Amino acid sequence: MAGVLASLLVAPGFAQSTPPPTQPPPPTQTPVPKPFPAANPPAPTNKPAAPGTPATTAVVPTTSTSQEGAAFDPRLTGVPIYPGAEMLSSFESGSQRVFLFGSSMPYSDVVAYYKTQLRSGGSEIFRSPAMQQFDLGSFRSETMDYRPSVVVKDYGAADTAGYLHVTGTAEKRYRTVIQIVPVK
């Protein structure tokens, strides 16, 4: 019996096989970011009216440019965007779209702007670093990941150099970041 046990314990040590040859991993491709469907609205065409037809005035939506270079229609957020704020990015979070904007203006100026525009005092989330949230609607857990809101965060404190946003090889810092989650 002892001999059988010894052979069972020693035999696997001698029966080593060579490992299978390894193959290099398949080459990976860098995904190319694609703007969301309404990111590039068609350019308006201003053609003169044909003779005999009444002249109509077309309302041309104002667009701005994001840091990634894509045209952006500010009406997609459903709320006013702080003047001079630059769109840093937008992304899908579940079934909701989230927009991030950066501003070189002080946090207190941006908060005062949204208090006036949204006619709400908002609620202070943090004191340091300062964060203020302005609710835009009620949260429905069955269809939302985030409460529809405007959140303003201070990155201009003395101990920070500002929010760093990198696009390709270009770097830019912002004193204040604005996150907008529109109402669905």
N, C-alpha and C. Protein backbone atom coordinates (compact mmCIF):
# COMPACT_ATOMS: atom_id res chain seq x y z
N MET A 1 0.82 -1.18 0.00
CA MET A 1 0.00 0.00 0.00
C MET A 1 0.87 1.25 0.00
N ALA A 2 1.93 1.25 0.82
CA ALA A 2 2.82 2.40 0.89
C ALA A 2 3.50 2.63 -0.45
N GLY A 3 3.81 1.55 -1.17
CA GLY A 3 4.47 1.68 -2.47
C GLY A 3 3.54 2.31 -3.50
N VAL A 4 2.25 1.99 -3.44
CA VAL A 4 1.29 2.57 -4.38
C VAL A 4 1.13 4.07 -4.11
N LEU A 5 1.05 4.44 -2.83
CA LEU A 5 0.93 5.85 -2.49
C LEU A 5 2.18 6.63 -2.92
N ALA A 6 3.33 6.06 -2.72
CA ALA A 6 4.57 6.73 -3.10
C ALA A 6 4.63 6.93 -4.60
N SER A 7 4.17 5.92 -5.38
CA SER A 7 4.22 6.05 -6.85
C SER A 7 3.22 7.11 -7.33
N LEU A 8 2.09 7.24 -6.63
CA LEU A 8 1.12 8.27 -7.01
C LEU A 8 1.64 9.67 -6.74
N LEU A 9 2.41 9.83 -5.68
CA LEU A 9 2.93 11.14 -5.34
C LEU A 9 4.16 11.51 -6.17
N VAL A 10 4.98 10.57 -6.54
CA VAL A 10 6.23 10.84 -7.25
C VAL A 10 6.02 10.86 -8.76
N ALA A 11 5.11 10.09 -9.29
CA ALA A 11 4.92 9.96 -10.75
C ALA A 11 4.56 11.29 -11.41
N PRO A 12 3.67 12.11 -10.85
CA PRO A 12 3.35 13.36 -11.54
C PRO A 12 4.55 14.30 -11.67
N GLY A 13 5.51 14.23 -10.77
CA GLY A 13 6.69 15.09 -10.86
C GLY A 13 7.56 14.74 -12.06
N PHE A 14 7.59 13.45 -12.46
CA PHE A 14 8.40 13.03 -13.59
C PHE A 14 7.66 13.19 -14.91
N ALA A 15 6.37 13.24 -14.86
CA ALA A 15 5.58 13.29 -16.08
C ALA A 15 5.25 14.74 -16.44
N GLN A 16 6.28 15.51 -16.69
CA GLN A 16 6.06 16.89 -17.08
C GLN A 16 6.08 16.98 -18.59
N SER A 17 5.15 17.74 -19.10
CA SER A 17 5.11 17.93 -20.55
C SER A 17 5.53 19.36 -20.85
N THR A 18 5.89 19.59 -22.08
CA THR A 18 6.27 20.94 -22.47
C THR A 18 5.01 21.78 -22.58
N PRO A 19 5.09 23.03 -22.19
CA PRO A 19 3.91 23.89 -22.29
C PRO A 19 3.56 24.15 -23.75
N PRO A 20 2.30 24.37 -24.02
CA PRO A 20 1.91 24.65 -25.41
C PRO A 20 2.55 25.95 -25.88
N PRO A 21 2.84 26.03 -27.19
CA PRO A 21 3.45 27.26 -27.69
C PRO A 21 2.49 28.43 -27.51
N THR A 22 3.07 29.56 -27.15
CA THR A 22 2.22 30.75 -26.97
C THR A 22 2.16 31.54 -28.27
N GLN A 23 0.99 32.10 -28.50
CA GLN A 23 0.81 32.92 -29.69
C GLN A 23 0.75 34.37 -29.25
N PRO A 24 1.29 35.24 -30.06
CA PRO A 24 1.19 36.65 -29.69
C PRO A 24 -0.26 37.10 -29.72
N PRO A 25 -0.63 38.02 -28.86
CA PRO A 25 -2.02 38.48 -28.86
C PRO A 25 -2.33 39.18 -30.18
N PRO A 26 -3.60 39.12 -30.60
CA PRO A 26 -3.94 39.77 -31.86
C PRO A 26 -3.74 41.28 -31.73
N PRO A 27 -3.38 41.91 -32.84
CA PRO A 27 -3.17 43.37 -32.76
C PRO A 27 -4.47 44.06 -32.38
N THR A 28 -4.34 45.05 -31.51
CA THR A 28 -5.54 45.78 -31.09
C THR A 28 -5.60 47.10 -31.84
N GLN A 29 -6.81 47.52 -32.09
CA GLN A 29 -7.00 48.79 -32.76
C GLN A 29 -7.50 49.79 -31.73
N THR A 30 -7.02 50.99 -31.84
CA THR A 30 -7.48 52.03 -30.95
C THR A 30 -8.87 52.46 -31.39
N PRO A 31 -9.86 52.42 -30.49
CA PRO A 31 -11.20 52.81 -30.90
C PRO A 31 -11.24 54.29 -31.25
N VAL A 32 -11.96 54.60 -32.27
CA VAL A 32 -12.10 55.98 -32.71
C VAL A 32 -13.38 56.52 -32.08
N PRO A 33 -13.27 57.60 -31.28
CA PRO A 33 -14.48 58.15 -30.66
C PRO A 33 -15.40 58.72 -31.72
N LYS A 34 -16.68 58.48 -31.52
CA LYS A 34 -17.68 58.98 -32.44
C LYS A 34 -18.63 59.90 -31.68
N PRO A 35 -18.95 61.04 -32.25
CA PRO A 35 -19.89 61.93 -31.56
C PRO A 35 -21.28 61.32 -31.52
N PHE A 36 -22.06 61.73 -30.54
CA PHE A 36 -23.42 61.22 -30.45
C PHE A 36 -24.23 61.79 -31.62
N PRO A 37 -25.37 61.16 -31.95
CA PRO A 37 -26.09 61.49 -33.18
C PRO A 37 -26.37 62.97 -33.41
N ALA A 38 -26.71 63.74 -32.43
CA ALA A 38 -27.07 65.13 -32.66
C ALA A 38 -25.89 66.08 -32.48
N ALA A 39 -24.68 65.55 -32.38
CA ALA A 39 -23.53 66.40 -32.10
C ALA A 39 -23.18 67.32 -33.26
N ASN A 40 -23.40 66.89 -34.47
CA ASN A 40 -23.05 67.69 -35.63
C ASN A 40 -24.31 68.07 -36.39
N PRO A 41 -25.00 69.14 -35.98
CA PRO A 41 -26.19 69.54 -36.71
C PRO A 41 -25.81 70.04 -38.10
N PRO A 42 -26.67 69.83 -39.10
CA PRO A 42 -26.33 70.26 -40.44
C PRO A 42 -26.20 71.78 -40.49
N ALA A 43 -25.28 72.22 -41.32
CA ALA A 43 -25.07 73.66 -41.47
C ALA A 43 -26.26 74.28 -42.18
N PRO A 44 -26.73 75.43 -41.72
CA PRO A 44 -27.87 76.06 -42.36
C PRO A 44 -27.46 76.60 -43.73
N THR A 45 -28.40 76.54 -44.64
CA THR A 45 -28.16 77.09 -45.97
C THR A 45 -28.99 78.35 -46.11
N ASN A 46 -28.35 79.39 -46.51
CA ASN A 46 -29.04 80.66 -46.69
C ASN A 46 -29.17 80.93 -48.19
N LYS A 47 -30.25 80.44 -48.79
CA LYS A 47 -30.50 80.65 -50.21
C LYS A 47 -31.50 81.78 -50.35
N PRO A 48 -31.32 82.61 -51.36
CA PRO A 48 -32.31 83.67 -51.55
C PRO A 48 -33.65 83.07 -51.95
N ALA A 49 -34.71 83.73 -51.52
CA ALA A 49 -36.05 83.24 -51.83
C ALA A 49 -36.32 83.40 -53.32
N ALA A 50 -37.06 82.45 -53.86
CA ALA A 50 -37.42 82.52 -55.28
C ALA A 50 -38.38 83.68 -55.47
N PRO A 51 -38.35 84.32 -56.65
CA PRO A 51 -39.26 85.44 -56.89
C PRO A 51 -40.70 85.00 -56.73
N GLY A 52 -41.50 85.82 -56.09
CA GLY A 52 -42.92 85.53 -55.92
C GLY A 52 -43.24 84.74 -54.67
N THR A 53 -42.24 84.29 -53.90
CA THR A 53 -42.51 83.55 -52.66
C THR A 53 -42.24 84.47 -51.50
N PRO A 54 -43.04 84.36 -50.45
CA PRO A 54 -42.82 85.24 -49.29
C PRO A 54 -41.51 84.90 -48.61
N ALA A 55 -40.84 85.92 -48.14
CA ALA A 55 -39.57 85.71 -47.44
C ALA A 55 -39.85 85.18 -46.04
N THR A 56 -39.08 84.19 -45.63
CA THR A 56 -39.21 83.63 -44.27
C THR A 56 -37.89 83.82 -43.57
N THR A 57 -37.97 83.95 -42.28
CA THR A 57 -36.74 84.06 -41.50
C THR A 57 -36.49 82.73 -40.83
N ALA A 58 -35.31 82.22 -41.01
CA ALA A 58 -34.95 80.94 -40.40
C ALA A 58 -34.23 81.21 -39.10
N VAL A 59 -34.55 80.42 -38.09
CA VAL A 59 -33.86 80.52 -36.82
C VAL A 59 -32.67 79.58 -36.88
N VAL A 60 -31.49 80.13 -36.79
CA VAL A 60 -30.27 79.34 -36.87
C VAL A 60 -29.80 79.05 -35.46
N PRO A 61 -29.67 77.74 -35.11
CA PRO A 61 -29.21 77.43 -33.75
C PRO A 61 -27.76 77.85 -33.59
N THR A 62 -27.45 78.39 -32.44
CA THR A 62 -26.06 78.73 -32.18
C THR A 62 -25.33 77.47 -31.75
N THR A 63 -24.14 77.33 -32.23
CA THR A 63 -23.34 76.17 -31.88
C THR A 63 -22.02 76.64 -31.30
N SER A 64 -21.43 75.80 -30.52
CA SER A 64 -20.09 76.08 -30.02
C SER A 64 -19.23 74.86 -30.33
N THR A 65 -17.96 74.97 -30.07
CA THR A 65 -17.05 73.89 -30.38
C THR A 65 -16.56 73.27 -29.08
N SER A 66 -16.54 71.94 -29.04
CA SER A 66 -16.03 71.25 -27.87
C SER A 66 -14.51 71.19 -27.94
N GLN A 67 -13.87 70.77 -26.87
CA GLN A 67 -12.42 70.63 -26.86
C GLN A 67 -11.97 69.60 -27.89
N GLU A 68 -12.83 68.64 -28.20
CA GLU A 68 -12.47 67.62 -29.18
C GLU A 68 -12.66 68.12 -30.61
N GLY A 69 -13.21 69.33 -30.76
CA GLY A 69 -13.35 69.92 -32.08
C GLY A 69 -14.69 69.71 -32.75
N ALA A 70 -15.59 68.95 -32.15
CA ALA A 70 -16.89 68.68 -32.76
C ALA A 70 -17.84 69.84 -32.47
N ALA A 71 -18.70 70.14 -33.42
CA ALA A 71 -19.69 71.19 -33.20
C ALA A 71 -20.69 70.69 -32.15
N PHE A 72 -21.18 71.61 -31.34
CA PHE A 72 -22.06 71.24 -30.24
C PHE A 72 -23.20 72.23 -30.16
N ASP A 73 -24.41 71.74 -30.06
CA ASP A 73 -25.58 72.60 -29.92
C ASP A 73 -25.90 72.72 -28.44
N PRO A 74 -25.75 73.91 -27.85
CA PRO A 74 -25.96 74.07 -26.40
C PRO A 74 -27.37 73.73 -25.95
N ARG A 75 -28.34 73.72 -26.87
CA ARG A 75 -29.71 73.39 -26.48
C ARG A 75 -29.86 71.93 -26.07
N LEU A 76 -28.87 71.09 -26.36
CA LEU A 76 -28.95 69.68 -25.98
C LEU A 76 -28.98 69.51 -24.46
N THR A 77 -28.41 70.44 -23.74
CA THR A 77 -28.38 70.31 -22.28
C THR A 77 -29.71 70.72 -21.65
N GLY A 78 -30.47 71.57 -22.32
CA GLY A 78 -31.75 72.01 -21.78
C GLY A 78 -31.63 73.11 -20.74
N VAL A 79 -30.42 73.54 -20.41
CA VAL A 79 -30.20 74.63 -19.46
C VAL A 79 -29.16 75.57 -20.05
N PRO A 80 -29.14 76.82 -19.58
CA PRO A 80 -28.12 77.74 -20.09
C PRO A 80 -26.72 77.29 -19.68
N ILE A 81 -25.78 77.54 -20.55
CA ILE A 81 -24.39 77.20 -20.27
C ILE A 81 -23.67 78.49 -19.92
N TYR A 82 -22.86 78.44 -18.90
CA TYR A 82 -22.14 79.62 -18.44
C TYR A 82 -21.39 80.25 -19.61
N PRO A 83 -21.54 81.56 -19.83
CA PRO A 83 -20.88 82.21 -20.97
C PRO A 83 -19.36 82.01 -20.92
N GLY A 84 -18.81 81.60 -22.04
CA GLY A 84 -17.38 81.38 -22.14
C GLY A 84 -16.93 80.00 -21.70
N ALA A 85 -17.83 79.19 -21.13
CA ALA A 85 -17.45 77.84 -20.72
C ALA A 85 -17.21 76.99 -21.96
N GLU A 86 -16.21 76.13 -21.89
CA GLU A 86 -15.87 75.26 -23.00
C GLU A 86 -16.32 73.84 -22.71
N MET A 87 -16.91 73.21 -23.70
CA MET A 87 -17.34 71.82 -23.52
C MET A 87 -16.10 70.94 -23.51
N LEU A 88 -15.92 70.19 -22.43
CA LEU A 88 -14.77 69.31 -22.30
C LEU A 88 -15.07 67.94 -22.88
N SER A 89 -16.24 67.41 -22.53
CA SER A 89 -16.64 66.10 -23.06
C SER A 89 -18.10 65.86 -22.75
N SER A 90 -18.61 64.85 -23.38
CA SER A 90 -19.95 64.36 -23.05
C SER A 90 -19.89 62.84 -23.19
N PHE A 91 -20.67 62.17 -22.39
CA PHE A 91 -20.65 60.71 -22.42
C PHE A 91 -21.98 60.17 -21.98
N GLU A 92 -22.23 58.92 -22.34
CA GLU A 92 -23.43 58.21 -21.93
C GLU A 92 -23.17 57.54 -20.60
N SER A 93 -24.12 57.66 -19.71
CA SER A 93 -24.07 56.95 -18.44
C SER A 93 -25.39 56.21 -18.31
N GLY A 94 -25.37 54.98 -18.74
CA GLY A 94 -26.63 54.23 -18.79
C GLY A 94 -27.51 54.81 -19.86
N SER A 95 -28.66 55.30 -19.48
CA SER A 95 -29.61 55.85 -20.45
C SER A 95 -29.57 57.37 -20.48
N GLN A 96 -28.61 57.99 -19.79
CA GLN A 96 -28.54 59.44 -19.71
C GLN A 96 -27.25 59.96 -20.34
N ARG A 97 -27.32 61.18 -20.82
CA ARG A 97 -26.16 61.88 -21.37
C ARG A 97 -25.64 62.85 -20.30
N VAL A 98 -24.33 62.90 -20.12
CA VAL A 98 -23.70 63.79 -19.15
C VAL A 98 -22.76 64.71 -19.93
N PHE A 99 -22.84 66.02 -19.64
CA PHE A 99 -22.01 67.01 -20.31
C PHE A 99 -21.07 67.65 -19.30
N LEU A 100 -19.80 67.81 -19.66
CA LEU A 100 -18.82 68.47 -18.80
C LEU A 100 -18.30 69.71 -19.49
N PHE A 101 -18.29 70.83 -18.75
CA PHE A 101 -17.80 72.10 -19.26
C PHE A 101 -16.75 72.63 -18.30
N GLY A 102 -15.79 73.37 -18.84
CA GLY A 102 -14.77 73.99 -18.02
C GLY A 102 -14.81 75.50 -18.19
N SER A 103 -14.52 76.22 -17.11
CA SER A 103 -14.50 77.68 -17.15
C SER A 103 -13.28 78.19 -16.40
N SER A 104 -12.72 79.27 -16.89
CA SER A 104 -11.58 79.88 -16.20
C SER A 104 -12.06 80.91 -15.18
N MET A 105 -13.36 81.10 -15.06
CA MET A 105 -13.92 82.07 -14.11
C MET A 105 -13.98 81.47 -12.71
N PRO A 106 -14.00 82.31 -11.68
CA PRO A 106 -14.06 81.82 -10.30
C PRO A 106 -15.36 81.05 -10.03
N TYR A 107 -15.26 80.11 -9.14
CA TYR A 107 -16.40 79.27 -8.72
C TYR A 107 -17.58 80.13 -8.29
N SER A 108 -17.33 81.17 -7.50
CA SER A 108 -18.42 82.00 -6.98
C SER A 108 -19.19 82.69 -8.10
N ASP A 109 -18.51 83.09 -9.18
CA ASP A 109 -19.19 83.72 -10.32
C ASP A 109 -20.10 82.72 -11.03
N VAL A 110 -19.61 81.51 -11.22
CA VAL A 110 -20.40 80.49 -11.92
C VAL A 110 -21.62 80.10 -11.08
N VAL A 111 -21.45 79.93 -9.77
CA VAL A 111 -22.57 79.60 -8.90
C VAL A 111 -23.60 80.73 -8.91
N ALA A 112 -23.15 81.97 -8.84
CA ALA A 112 -24.08 83.12 -8.87
C ALA A 112 -24.86 83.14 -10.18
N TYR A 113 -24.21 82.81 -11.29
CA TYR A 113 -24.88 82.77 -12.59
C TYR A 113 -26.01 81.73 -12.58
N TYR A 114 -25.72 80.51 -12.10
CA TYR A 114 -26.75 79.47 -12.09
C TYR A 114 -27.84 79.75 -11.07
N LYS A 115 -27.53 80.43 -9.97
CA LYS A 115 -28.58 80.83 -9.02
C LYS A 115 -29.57 81.76 -9.71
N THR A 116 -29.05 82.67 -10.52
CA THR A 116 -29.90 83.62 -11.24
C THR A 116 -30.67 82.93 -12.36
N GLN A 117 -29.98 82.15 -13.17
CA GLN A 117 -30.60 81.52 -14.34
C GLN A 117 -31.63 80.46 -13.97
N LEU A 118 -31.34 79.67 -12.96
CA LEU A 118 -32.23 78.57 -12.59
C LEU A 118 -33.21 78.97 -11.48
N ARG A 119 -33.07 80.20 -10.99
CA ARG A 119 -33.96 80.72 -9.93
C ARG A 119 -34.02 79.76 -8.75
N SER A 120 -32.85 79.30 -8.35
CA SER A 120 -32.74 78.35 -7.25
C SER A 120 -31.43 78.62 -6.52
N GLY A 121 -31.45 78.43 -5.24
CA GLY A 121 -30.22 78.58 -4.46
C GLY A 121 -29.34 77.37 -4.56
N GLY A 122 -29.89 76.25 -5.04
CA GLY A 122 -29.14 75.02 -5.10
C GLY A 122 -28.85 74.51 -3.71
N SER A 123 -28.04 73.50 -3.63
CA SER A 123 -27.65 72.97 -2.32
C SER A 123 -26.15 72.72 -2.32
N GLU A 124 -25.52 73.09 -1.21
CA GLU A 124 -24.09 72.91 -1.07
C GLU A 124 -23.82 71.43 -0.78
N ILE A 125 -23.01 70.81 -1.61
CA ILE A 125 -22.68 69.39 -1.42
C ILE A 125 -21.45 69.27 -0.54
N PHE A 126 -20.40 70.04 -0.86
CA PHE A 126 -19.16 70.06 -0.09
C PHE A 126 -18.72 71.50 0.10
N ARG A 127 -18.00 71.73 1.19
CA ARG A 127 -17.42 73.05 1.41
C ARG A 127 -15.99 73.12 0.90
N SER A 128 -15.26 72.01 0.99
CA SER A 128 -13.88 72.01 0.53
C SER A 128 -13.56 70.67 -0.12
N PRO A 129 -13.34 70.58 -1.38
CA PRO A 129 -13.50 71.64 -2.36
C PRO A 129 -14.98 71.96 -2.55
N ALA A 130 -15.25 73.20 -2.80
CA ALA A 130 -16.63 73.67 -2.89
C ALA A 130 -17.37 73.02 -4.07
N MET A 131 -18.60 72.58 -3.79
CA MET A 131 -19.46 71.98 -4.81
C MET A 131 -20.89 72.39 -4.54
N GLN A 132 -21.59 72.84 -5.57
CA GLN A 132 -22.98 73.28 -5.46
C GLN A 132 -23.79 72.50 -6.50
N GLN A 133 -24.96 72.00 -6.10
CA GLN A 133 -25.83 71.25 -7.01
C GLN A 133 -27.17 71.96 -7.15
N PHE A 134 -27.60 72.11 -8.41
CA PHE A 134 -28.89 72.70 -8.72
C PHE A 134 -29.74 71.60 -9.37
N ASP A 135 -30.78 71.14 -8.68
CA ASP A 135 -31.63 70.07 -9.21
C ASP A 135 -32.52 70.60 -10.32
N LEU A 136 -32.64 69.80 -11.38
CA LEU A 136 -33.48 70.17 -12.52
C LEU A 136 -34.78 69.37 -12.57
N GLY A 137 -34.83 68.27 -11.87
CA GLY A 137 -36.01 67.42 -11.88
C GLY A 137 -35.87 66.33 -10.84
N SER A 138 -36.89 65.51 -10.75
CA SER A 138 -36.86 64.44 -9.75
C SER A 138 -36.14 63.22 -10.30
N PHE A 139 -35.59 62.44 -9.40
CA PHE A 139 -34.85 61.24 -9.75
C PHE A 139 -35.80 60.05 -9.84
N ARG A 140 -35.74 59.33 -10.95
CA ARG A 140 -36.55 58.12 -11.14
C ARG A 140 -35.58 56.95 -11.30
N SER A 141 -35.48 56.13 -10.26
CA SER A 141 -34.47 55.06 -10.24
C SER A 141 -34.66 54.03 -11.34
N GLU A 142 -35.88 53.86 -11.83
CA GLU A 142 -36.10 52.86 -12.87
C GLU A 142 -35.59 53.29 -14.24
N THR A 143 -35.37 54.60 -14.45
CA THR A 143 -34.91 55.07 -15.76
C THR A 143 -33.66 55.94 -15.70
N MET A 144 -33.14 56.24 -14.51
CA MET A 144 -32.01 57.17 -14.39
C MET A 144 -30.89 56.60 -13.55
N ASP A 145 -29.67 57.04 -13.88
CA ASP A 145 -28.50 56.74 -13.05
C ASP A 145 -28.13 57.93 -12.19
N TYR A 146 -28.41 59.14 -12.70
CA TYR A 146 -28.09 60.38 -11.99
C TYR A 146 -29.32 61.28 -11.92
N ARG A 147 -29.37 62.11 -10.89
CA ARG A 147 -30.44 63.11 -10.78
C ARG A 147 -30.19 64.18 -11.83
N PRO A 148 -31.21 64.58 -12.59
CA PRO A 148 -31.04 65.69 -13.52
C PRO A 148 -30.62 66.93 -12.74
N SER A 149 -29.45 67.48 -13.06
CA SER A 149 -28.93 68.58 -12.27
C SER A 149 -27.79 69.29 -12.98
N VAL A 150 -27.43 70.42 -12.40
CA VAL A 150 -26.22 71.14 -12.76
C VAL A 150 -25.36 71.12 -11.51
N VAL A 151 -24.14 70.59 -11.62
CA VAL A 151 -23.22 70.54 -10.49
C VAL A 151 -22.01 71.40 -10.85
N VAL A 152 -21.68 72.33 -9.97
CA VAL A 152 -20.54 73.23 -10.17
C VAL A 152 -19.49 72.89 -9.12
N LYS A 153 -18.24 72.65 -9.57
CA LYS A 153 -17.17 72.27 -8.64
C LYS A 153 -15.99 73.22 -8.79
N ASP A 154 -15.45 73.62 -7.64
CA ASP A 154 -14.33 74.55 -7.57
C ASP A 154 -13.01 73.81 -7.67
N TYR A 155 -12.22 74.12 -8.70
CA TYR A 155 -10.88 73.57 -8.84
C TYR A 155 -9.84 74.68 -8.72
N GLY A 156 -10.26 75.88 -8.30
CA GLY A 156 -9.36 77.01 -8.23
C GLY A 156 -8.83 77.28 -6.84
N ALA A 157 -8.91 76.31 -5.94
CA ALA A 157 -8.41 76.51 -4.58
C ALA A 157 -6.90 76.72 -4.61
N ALA A 158 -6.37 77.30 -3.54
CA ALA A 158 -4.95 77.63 -3.48
C ALA A 158 -4.05 76.41 -3.59
N ASP A 159 -4.52 75.25 -3.14
CA ASP A 159 -3.67 74.06 -3.15
C ASP A 159 -3.74 73.27 -4.45
N THR A 160 -4.51 73.73 -5.43
CA THR A 160 -4.59 73.02 -6.71
C THR A 160 -4.24 73.98 -7.84
N ALA A 161 -3.81 73.40 -8.94
CA ALA A 161 -3.48 74.20 -10.12
C ALA A 161 -4.67 74.30 -11.07
N GLY A 162 -5.78 73.69 -10.71
CA GLY A 162 -6.95 73.69 -11.57
C GLY A 162 -7.20 72.31 -12.16
N TYR A 163 -8.38 72.15 -12.73
CA TYR A 163 -8.75 70.88 -13.36
C TYR A 163 -7.98 70.75 -14.66
N LEU A 164 -7.24 69.68 -14.82
CA LEU A 164 -6.44 69.45 -16.02
C LEU A 164 -7.25 68.65 -17.03
N HIS A 165 -7.43 69.24 -18.21
CA HIS A 165 -8.11 68.54 -19.30
C HIS A 165 -7.11 68.39 -20.43
N VAL A 166 -6.92 67.16 -20.90
CA VAL A 166 -5.96 66.87 -21.95
C VAL A 166 -6.71 66.39 -23.19
N THR A 167 -6.41 67.03 -24.32
CA THR A 167 -6.95 66.61 -25.61
C THR A 167 -5.76 66.38 -26.52
N GLY A 168 -5.51 65.12 -26.84
CA GLY A 168 -4.32 64.81 -27.65
C GLY A 168 -3.09 65.18 -26.88
N THR A 169 -2.34 66.16 -27.38
CA THR A 169 -1.14 66.61 -26.68
C THR A 169 -1.34 67.99 -26.05
N ALA A 170 -2.53 68.55 -26.22
CA ALA A 170 -2.82 69.88 -25.65
C ALA A 170 -3.37 69.75 -24.24
N GLU A 171 -2.85 70.56 -23.34
CA GLU A 171 -3.31 70.58 -21.95
C GLU A 171 -3.89 71.95 -21.65
N LYS A 172 -4.96 71.96 -20.86
CA LYS A 172 -5.54 73.22 -20.41
C LYS A 172 -6.12 73.00 -19.02
N ARG A 173 -5.98 74.00 -18.17
CA ARG A 173 -6.50 73.93 -16.80
C ARG A 173 -7.68 74.86 -16.65
N TYR A 174 -8.65 74.42 -15.81
CA TYR A 174 -9.87 75.19 -15.58
C TYR A 174 -10.05 75.39 -14.08
N ARG A 175 -10.50 76.58 -13.70
CA ARG A 175 -10.75 76.89 -12.28
C ARG A 175 -12.05 76.27 -11.81
N THR A 176 -13.03 76.14 -12.72
CA THR A 176 -14.35 75.64 -12.36
C THR A 176 -14.82 74.64 -13.40
N VAL A 177 -15.44 73.56 -12.94
CA VAL A 177 -16.00 72.55 -13.84
C VAL A 177 -17.50 72.49 -13.60
N ILE A 178 -18.26 72.41 -14.70
CA ILE A 178 -19.72 72.36 -14.65
C ILE A 178 -20.15 71.03 -15.26
N GLN A 179 -20.93 70.26 -14.50
CA GLN A 179 -21.47 68.99 -15.00
C GLN A 179 -22.97 69.17 -15.15
N ILE A 180 -23.49 68.85 -16.33
CA ILE A 180 -24.92 68.97 -16.58
C ILE A 180 -25.49 67.62 -16.97
N VAL A 181 -26.50 67.19 -16.21
CA VAL A 181 -27.26 65.98 -16.54
C VAL A 181 -28.67 66.47 -16.87
N PRO A 182 -29.03 66.53 -18.17
CA PRO A 182 -30.33 67.09 -18.54
C PRO A 182 -31.50 66.19 -18.12
N VAL A 183 -32.67 66.80 -18.07
CA VAL A 183 -33.91 66.06 -17.80
C VAL A 183 -34.24 65.27 -19.07
N LYS A 184 -34.63 64.03 -18.89
CA LYS A 184 -35.00 63.19 -20.03
C LYS A 184 -36.42 63.47 -20.44
